[in-house]
Amino acid sequence: MIPFLLLAPVLIGLSVWLGLRGKTDPGVAQTHADFARITAALEVYRTEHGSLPEEGDLSFLVPKYLPEVPVNPWGHPYAYASNGQRPFLQSYGADGMRGGNGPNEDHTSHDGHSAFLPR
């Protein structure tokens, strides 16, 4: 019983750290907020035009749907692709290159799975 009581605070601390890892980075939080804003603009575009462009940059949203072409918190453009109905957005992180760890980690708008988007 005593070893468990000594181990419990360590396990709780580890669980909290793992749960918060990546969520406290302001760049990651801003990226996911941008995904929500861009996705909302894309949905309005799709409603008005019937479908979305398959790929390219997001300049087709400016100025009617967004005031400017969005870039990630590190100044790199978001990658965009679509199947015509469902948009896929990706940030290549701080280094602007596919792959990486820590601040260079890629983030996607779909369920946390990497979408292989044109570059």
Protein backbone atom coordinates (compact mmCIF):
# COMPACT_ATOMS: atom_id res chain seq x y z
CA MET A 1 0.00 0.00 0.00
CA ILE A 2 2.78 2.45 0.87
CA PRO A 3 4.59 2.02 -2.51
CA PHE A 4 1.32 2.82 -4.30
CA LEU A 5 0.89 5.98 -2.21
CA LEU A 6 4.39 7.07 -3.18
CA LEU A 7 3.86 6.22 -6.85
CA ALA A 8 0.39 7.79 -7.21
CA PRO A 9 1.56 11.45 -7.29
CA VAL A 10 4.17 10.57 -9.91
CA LEU A 11 1.56 8.83 -12.09
CA ILE A 12 -0.88 11.71 -11.72
CA GLY A 13 1.81 14.25 -12.61
CA LEU A 14 2.84 12.22 -15.64
CA SER A 15 -0.78 11.92 -16.80
CA VAL A 16 -1.33 15.67 -16.50
CA TRP A 17 1.92 16.42 -18.34
CA LEU A 18 1.05 14.01 -21.18
CA GLY A 19 -2.47 15.40 -21.41
CA LEU A 20 -1.30 19.00 -21.65
CA ARG A 21 1.71 18.40 -23.88
CA GLY A 22 1.29 20.35 -27.12
CA LYS A 23 -1.92 21.99 -25.95
CA THR A 24 -0.15 24.73 -24.05
CA ASP A 25 1.95 25.84 -27.04
CA PRO A 26 0.34 29.08 -28.22
CA GLY A 27 1.38 28.35 -31.82
CA VAL A 28 -0.47 25.03 -31.82
CA ALA A 29 -3.54 26.59 -30.22
CA GLN A 30 -3.51 29.39 -32.83
CA THR A 31 -3.12 26.86 -35.65
CA HIS A 32 -6.24 24.98 -34.56
CA ALA A 33 -8.16 28.25 -34.11
CA ASP A 34 -7.10 29.19 -37.66
CA PHE A 35 -8.30 25.79 -38.93
CA ALA A 36 -11.75 26.52 -37.47
CA ARG A 37 -11.86 30.01 -39.02
CA ILE A 38 -10.64 28.82 -42.43
CA THR A 39 -13.00 25.82 -42.43
CA ALA A 40 -15.95 28.13 -41.70
CA ALA A 41 -14.96 30.34 -44.65
CA LEU A 42 -14.58 27.25 -46.86
CA GLU A 43 -18.05 26.04 -45.89
CA VAL A 44 -19.58 29.36 -46.92
CA TYR A 45 -17.64 29.20 -50.21
CA ARG A 46 -18.84 25.61 -50.83
CA THR A 47 -22.44 26.57 -50.08
CA GLU A 48 -22.30 29.45 -52.57
CA HIS A 49 -20.35 27.62 -55.32
CA GLY A 50 -21.50 24.00 -54.88
CA SER A 51 -18.01 22.59 -54.33
CA LEU A 52 -14.48 23.51 -53.30
CA PRO A 53 -11.38 23.83 -55.49
CA GLU A 54 -9.33 20.61 -55.35
CA GLU A 55 -6.03 22.17 -54.29
CA GLY A 56 -3.93 25.29 -54.28
CA ASP A 57 -3.46 28.18 -51.96
CA LEU A 58 -6.27 29.83 -50.04
CA SER A 59 -6.21 33.08 -52.04
CA PHE A 60 -9.58 32.19 -53.60
CA LEU A 61 -11.13 33.04 -50.20
CA VAL A 62 -9.81 36.63 -50.23
CA PRO A 63 -11.37 39.17 -49.85
CA LYS A 64 -14.96 37.87 -49.85
CA TYR A 65 -14.58 35.13 -47.23
CA LEU A 66 -11.37 36.10 -45.39
CA PRO A 67 -9.64 39.51 -45.17
CA GLU A 68 -6.22 38.06 -46.13
CA VAL A 69 -4.55 34.79 -47.06
CA PRO A 70 -3.97 33.05 -43.74
CA VAL A 71 -0.53 31.88 -42.65
CA ASN A 72 0.39 29.74 -39.66
CA PRO A 73 1.77 31.34 -36.48
CA TRP A 74 5.31 30.88 -37.83
CA GLY A 75 4.57 32.79 -41.06
CA HIS A 76 4.18 29.80 -43.42
CA PRO A 77 1.12 29.28 -45.62
CA TYR A 78 -1.33 26.54 -44.73
CA ALA A 79 -1.50 23.65 -47.19
CA TYR A 80 -4.96 23.07 -48.65
CA ALA A 81 -6.57 20.24 -50.61
CA SER A 82 -10.13 19.04 -51.07
CA ASN A 83 -12.15 16.24 -52.60
CA GLY A 84 -14.63 18.91 -53.72
CA GLN A 85 -16.78 18.65 -50.61
CA ARG A 86 -14.43 18.12 -47.67
CA PRO A 87 -11.47 20.44 -47.06
CA PHE A 88 -8.12 19.31 -45.69
CA LEU A 89 -5.83 21.87 -44.06
CA GLN A 90 -2.30 21.32 -42.82
CA SER A 91 0.33 23.38 -41.08
CA TYR A 92 3.92 22.24 -41.55
CA GLY A 93 4.94 23.75 -38.20
CA ALA A 94 7.63 26.25 -37.34
CA ASP A 95 10.11 25.05 -39.97
CA GLY A 96 7.55 25.04 -42.82
CA MET A 97 8.65 21.53 -43.89
CA ARG A 98 6.77 18.24 -43.84
CA GLY A 99 7.43 16.12 -40.74
CA GLY A 100 9.21 17.10 -37.58
CA ASN A 101 8.86 17.06 -33.83
CA GLY A 102 8.19 19.65 -31.17
CA PRO A 103 7.53 23.07 -32.71
CA ASN A 104 8.22 21.63 -36.19
CA GLU A 105 5.45 19.03 -35.86
CA ASP A 106 2.78 19.04 -38.58
CA HIS A 107 -0.86 19.67 -37.63
CA THR A 108 -3.93 18.83 -39.71
CA SER A 109 -7.56 19.85 -39.64
CA HIS A 110 -8.80 16.25 -39.69
CA ASP A 111 -8.80 14.07 -36.59
CA GLY A 112 -5.09 14.56 -35.97
CA HIS A 113 -4.15 12.30 -38.89
CA SER A 114 -1.64 13.51 -41.41
CA ALA A 115 -3.14 14.30 -44.77
CA PHE A 116 -0.62 14.10 -47.59
CA LEU A 117 -1.20 17.41 -49.27
CA PRO A 118 0.48 18.94 -52.31
CA ARG A 119 3.31 21.25 -51.47
